[in-house]
Amino acid sequence: MSLYNWLAPSGISKQQGRFTALRSEMILSTVERLETRIRERFPDSGLLKVCMEFRVLAEESNALAQRLGPPIWPVRVFAFAAAFLLIGLVLWAFAQLFVHFKLNAEGISDLVQSTESAINELIFLGLALFFLVSLETRLKRHSALRALHRLRSIAHVVDMHQLTKDPAYVLGRIAQTSASPQRTLTRQELTRYLDYSSEMLALNAKIAALFAQNIDDPVVLNAVNDLEQLAQGLSGKIWQKIMILDLADRD
């Protein structure tokens, strides 16, 4: 029995994983379904190409998040072995010092000099031990941050594809100019297009949350929170357009 299950109230451990954890297979299935829906309505759109790339990125990110959850045993064994060797070397040095120490003026002078050098060596030893112990965490953090950077980039790409989808043009309130982008979507199609964009941003945040779920690292958690806030902000702009179209339908 794990420490968490021992401390948790009765009944929580049995439900753990059903509604308290994200199921990556369900998220990936939703991404695939979204890609199919976009293909059926907008087979030649750039949004479909973005969603196809997002599906591949989601699968890669999920596989990476699953790999980063368990310990990386080769790195962990190497780090602890190196740490024990360093500690053993220091203990051996202290043992040699006490064996050859002589209680006289020359011995005390050598002891003072050796103590000063030992303090400096202990500082470097502490830094080396911290580097070795945190090596696995830093490797996981680096891999997770690279994947989150790709998810952040594709979120901006989704936002770029909906920038020119202005409800005012569809509602006939703004006249086209020679520099205006080509707009061929009807009001209903534009609503679906914007809704698909918002769904992709929401799924992007859920894929990012898999890293926070599998990696207990504050830096990764902050990066995931930043990406979720970005997705919420971009999705909020999209829903403002959807609300404009919805209110126009009621007029």
Protein backbone atom coordinates (compact mmCIF):
# COMPACT_ATOMS: atom_id res chain seq x y z
CA MET A 1 0.00 0.00 0.00
CA SER A 2 1.38 3.38 -0.99
CA LEU A 3 1.76 6.27 1.44
CA TYR A 4 -0.88 8.25 -0.47
CA ASN A 5 -3.43 5.43 -0.20
CA TRP A 6 -2.69 5.12 3.53
CA LEU A 7 -3.21 8.84 4.12
CA ALA A 8 -6.16 9.26 1.74
CA PRO A 9 -9.71 9.04 3.09
CA SER A 10 -11.57 5.78 2.57
CA GLY A 11 -12.86 5.33 -0.98
CA ILE A 12 -10.59 7.83 -2.72
CA SER A 13 -7.94 5.31 -3.73
CA LYS A 14 -10.53 3.07 -5.42
CA GLN A 15 -11.73 5.90 -7.63
CA GLN A 16 -8.25 7.18 -8.37
CA GLY A 17 -7.59 7.33 -12.11
CA ARG A 18 -11.25 7.44 -13.21
CA PHE A 19 -12.16 11.06 -12.61
CA THR A 20 -9.03 12.45 -10.97
CA ALA A 21 -6.63 11.86 -13.88
CA LEU A 22 -6.67 12.73 -17.55
CA ARG A 23 -6.99 9.72 -19.85
CA SER A 24 -4.67 10.32 -22.74
CA GLU A 25 -6.38 7.78 -25.02
CA MET A 26 -9.65 9.70 -24.73
CA ILE A 27 -7.94 12.99 -25.52
CA LEU A 28 -6.26 11.52 -28.60
CA SER A 29 -9.56 10.01 -29.71
CA THR A 30 -11.19 13.44 -29.43
CA VAL A 31 -8.39 14.96 -31.51
CA GLU A 32 -8.90 12.36 -34.23
CA ARG A 33 -12.64 12.97 -34.19
CA LEU A 34 -12.07 16.71 -34.51
CA GLU A 35 -9.82 16.13 -37.51
CA THR A 36 -12.55 14.02 -39.15
CA ARG A 37 -15.15 16.70 -38.51
CA ILE A 38 -12.96 19.39 -40.05
CA ARG A 39 -12.22 17.19 -43.06
CA GLU A 40 -15.91 16.61 -43.68
CA ARG A 41 -16.81 20.32 -43.61
CA PHE A 42 -13.60 22.01 -44.79
CA PRO A 43 -11.60 19.45 -46.80
CA ASP A 44 -9.42 22.07 -48.52
CA SER A 45 -8.89 24.42 -45.58
CA GLY A 46 -5.66 25.30 -43.89
CA LEU A 47 -7.29 24.51 -40.56
CA LEU A 48 -7.45 20.84 -41.58
CA LYS A 49 -3.71 20.80 -42.26
CA VAL A 50 -3.07 22.40 -38.90
CA CYS A 51 -5.27 19.82 -37.17
CA MET A 52 -3.47 16.95 -38.94
CA GLU A 53 -0.14 18.25 -37.69
CA PHE A 54 -1.63 18.83 -34.26
CA ARG A 55 -2.81 15.20 -34.11
CA VAL A 56 0.73 13.98 -34.83
CA LEU A 57 2.12 16.38 -32.25
CA ALA A 58 -0.47 15.25 -29.71
CA GLU A 59 0.50 11.61 -30.19
CA GLU A 60 4.20 12.43 -29.86
CA SER A 61 3.60 14.58 -26.78
CA ASN A 62 1.51 11.89 -25.12
CA ALA A 63 4.19 9.26 -25.77
CA LEU A 64 6.83 11.58 -24.33
CA ALA A 65 4.73 12.39 -21.27
CA GLN A 66 4.24 8.67 -20.60
CA ARG A 67 8.00 8.04 -20.89
CA LEU A 68 8.85 10.91 -18.56
CA GLY A 69 6.60 9.61 -15.79
CA PRO A 70 8.61 6.56 -14.60
CA PRO A 71 12.19 6.93 -13.38
CA ILE A 72 14.96 6.98 -15.98
CA TRP A 73 16.91 4.17 -14.37
CA PRO A 74 20.21 4.45 -16.34
CA VAL A 75 20.48 8.14 -15.43
CA ARG A 76 19.40 7.51 -11.83
CA VAL A 77 21.85 4.63 -11.33
CA PHE A 78 24.69 6.65 -12.85
CA ALA A 79 23.91 9.68 -10.68
CA PHE A 80 23.73 7.73 -7.42
CA ALA A 81 26.84 5.69 -8.28
CA ALA A 82 28.80 8.86 -9.02
CA ALA A 83 27.48 10.48 -5.83
CA PHE A 84 28.54 7.49 -3.70
CA LEU A 85 31.99 7.53 -5.31
CA LEU A 86 32.41 11.20 -4.48
CA ILE A 87 31.28 10.69 -0.90
CA GLY A 88 33.56 7.65 -0.59
CA LEU A 89 36.48 9.67 -1.90
CA VAL A 90 35.89 12.38 0.69
CA LEU A 91 35.61 9.85 3.52
CA TRP A 92 38.83 8.20 2.37
CA ALA A 93 40.58 11.59 2.34
CA PHE A 94 39.42 12.31 5.92
CA ALA A 95 40.52 8.87 7.01
CA GLN A 96 44.00 9.43 5.56
CA LEU A 97 44.14 12.79 7.31
CA PHE A 98 43.40 11.31 10.72
CA VAL A 99 45.79 8.40 10.18
CA HIS A 100 48.73 10.67 9.37
CA PHE A 101 47.85 13.40 11.85
CA LYS A 102 50.45 14.04 14.55
CA LEU A 103 49.75 16.04 17.68
CA ASN A 104 52.58 18.57 17.41
CA ALA A 105 53.12 22.07 16.07
CA GLU A 106 53.80 20.90 12.53
CA GLY A 107 50.79 18.57 12.58
CA ILE A 108 48.45 21.27 13.87
CA SER A 109 49.66 23.66 11.17
CA ASP A 110 49.03 21.04 8.50
CA LEU A 111 45.59 20.36 10.01
CA VAL A 112 44.61 24.04 9.79
CA GLN A 113 45.70 24.21 6.15
CA SER A 114 43.96 20.95 5.36
CA THR A 115 40.74 22.13 7.04
CA GLU A 116 40.70 25.28 4.95
CA SER A 117 41.17 23.27 1.78
CA ALA A 118 38.57 20.74 2.91
CA ILE A 119 35.94 23.45 3.34
CA ASN A 120 36.46 24.58 -0.25
CA GLU A 121 36.34 21.01 -1.45
CA LEU A 122 33.13 20.35 0.47
CA ILE A 123 31.49 23.31 -1.26
CA PHE A 124 32.40 21.93 -4.67
CA LEU A 125 31.32 18.48 -3.51
CA GLY A 126 27.90 19.83 -2.56
CA LEU A 127 27.51 21.45 -5.97
CA ALA A 128 28.57 18.23 -7.68
CA LEU A 129 26.10 16.18 -5.62
CA PHE A 130 23.29 18.61 -6.42
CA PHE A 131 24.14 18.37 -10.12
CA LEU A 132 24.09 14.58 -10.04
CA VAL A 133 20.93 14.22 -7.94
CA SER A 134 18.99 16.72 -10.08
CA LEU A 135 20.29 15.35 -13.39
CA GLU A 136 17.22 13.18 -14.06
CA THR A 137 14.82 16.00 -13.20
CA ARG A 138 16.62 18.44 -15.47
CA LEU A 139 16.61 15.99 -18.37
CA LYS A 140 12.86 15.43 -17.96
CA ARG A 141 12.28 19.17 -17.64
CA HIS A 142 14.23 19.92 -20.80
CA SER A 143 12.30 17.36 -22.83
CA ALA A 144 8.94 18.51 -21.47
CA LEU A 145 9.66 22.19 -22.11
CA ARG A 146 10.64 21.47 -25.71
CA ALA A 147 7.34 19.66 -26.30
CA LEU A 148 5.38 22.45 -24.60
CA HIS A 149 7.11 24.98 -26.82
CA ARG A 150 5.83 23.13 -29.89
CA LEU A 151 2.32 23.04 -28.45
CA ARG A 152 2.52 26.77 -27.75
CA SER A 153 3.63 27.44 -31.32
CA ILE A 154 0.77 25.49 -32.87
CA ALA A 155 -1.69 27.35 -30.64
CA HIS A 156 -0.51 30.59 -32.24
CA VAL A 157 -0.86 29.00 -35.68
CA VAL A 158 -4.49 28.14 -34.91
CA ASP A 159 -5.04 31.74 -33.87
CA MET A 160 -3.52 32.98 -37.13
CA HIS A 161 -5.99 30.90 -39.15
CA GLN A 162 -9.00 32.50 -37.48
CA LEU A 163 -7.75 36.10 -37.48
CA THR A 164 -9.35 36.97 -40.82
CA LYS A 165 -12.63 35.21 -39.96
CA ASP A 166 -14.45 38.44 -39.11
CA PRO A 167 -18.20 38.12 -38.46
CA ALA A 168 -18.74 41.71 -39.65
CA TYR A 169 -17.98 40.73 -43.26
CA VAL A 170 -20.33 37.74 -43.13
CA LEU A 171 -23.10 39.90 -41.73
CA GLY A 172 -22.59 42.42 -44.54
CA ARG A 173 -21.67 45.30 -42.27
CA ILE A 174 -18.27 45.97 -43.87
CA ALA A 175 -17.63 46.27 -47.59
CA GLN A 176 -14.88 44.29 -49.26
CA THR A 177 -11.79 46.08 -50.59
CA SER A 178 -9.11 45.02 -53.03
CA ALA A 179 -6.77 44.14 -50.15
CA SER A 180 -9.39 42.19 -48.21
CA PRO A 181 -8.75 38.44 -47.82
CA GLN A 182 -10.98 36.07 -49.71
CA ARG A 183 -13.99 35.12 -47.62
CA THR A 184 -16.23 32.35 -48.93
CA LEU A 185 -17.70 30.95 -45.70
CA THR A 186 -21.37 31.33 -44.91
CA ARG A 187 -22.56 32.35 -41.47
CA GLN A 188 -23.15 28.75 -40.40
CA GLU A 189 -19.81 27.60 -41.83
CA LEU A 190 -17.97 30.43 -40.10
CA THR A 191 -19.54 29.44 -36.79
CA ARG A 192 -18.37 25.86 -37.20
CA TYR A 193 -14.91 27.01 -38.31
CA LEU A 194 -14.51 29.16 -35.22
CA ASP A 195 -15.88 26.41 -32.99
CA TYR A 196 -13.36 23.91 -34.39
CA SER A 197 -10.54 26.39 -33.75
CA SER A 198 -11.66 26.83 -30.15
CA GLU A 199 -11.85 23.06 -29.65
CA MET A 200 -8.34 22.61 -30.99
CA LEU A 201 -7.02 25.19 -28.52
CA ALA A 202 -8.82 23.43 -25.65
CA LEU A 203 -7.37 20.06 -26.66
CA ASN A 204 -3.94 21.68 -26.93
CA ALA A 205 -4.18 22.68 -23.28
CA LYS A 206 -5.30 19.16 -22.31
CA ILE A 207 -2.31 17.61 -24.06
CA ALA A 208 -0.05 20.03 -22.20
CA ALA A 209 -1.71 19.04 -18.91
CA LEU A 210 -0.46 15.47 -19.43
CA PHE A 211 3.07 16.69 -18.70
CA ALA A 212 1.97 18.29 -15.43
CA GLN A 213 0.16 15.05 -14.55
CA ASN A 214 3.19 12.83 -15.15
CA ILE A 215 6.05 15.10 -14.06
CA ASP A 216 6.23 16.57 -10.57
CA ASP A 217 8.30 19.63 -11.43
CA PRO A 218 7.34 23.26 -10.63
CA VAL A 219 8.99 24.62 -13.77
CA VAL A 220 6.99 22.27 -16.00
CA LEU A 221 3.83 23.05 -14.04
CA ASN A 222 4.33 26.79 -14.56
CA ALA A 223 4.91 26.25 -18.28
CA VAL A 224 1.71 24.20 -18.52
CA ASN A 225 -0.23 26.89 -16.66
CA ASP A 226 1.12 29.55 -19.03
CA LEU A 227 0.07 27.49 -22.04
CA GLU A 228 -3.41 26.94 -20.58
CA GLN A 229 -3.80 30.68 -20.00
CA LEU A 230 -2.67 31.33 -23.57
CA ALA A 231 -5.20 28.83 -24.94
CA GLN A 232 -7.97 30.34 -22.81
CA GLY A 233 -7.13 33.84 -23.99
CA LEU A 234 -7.09 32.87 -27.66
CA SER A 235 -10.26 30.83 -27.28
CA GLY A 236 -11.94 33.78 -25.59
CA LYS A 237 -11.36 35.93 -28.66
CA ILE A 238 -12.87 33.22 -30.84
CA TRP A 239 -15.95 32.91 -28.67
CA GLN A 240 -16.53 36.64 -28.90
CA LYS A 241 -16.91 36.17 -32.66
CA ILE A 242 -19.22 33.19 -32.16
CA MET A 243 -21.40 35.22 -29.80
CA ILE A 244 -21.65 38.00 -32.38
CA LEU A 245 -22.90 35.52 -34.97
CA ASP A 246 -25.28 33.96 -32.48
CA LEU A 247 -26.77 37.29 -31.49
CA ALA A 248 -27.11 38.25 -35.14
CA ASP A 249 -29.14 35.09 -35.77
CA ARG A 250 -31.57 36.11 -33.03
CA ASP A 251 -32.14 39.59 -34.47
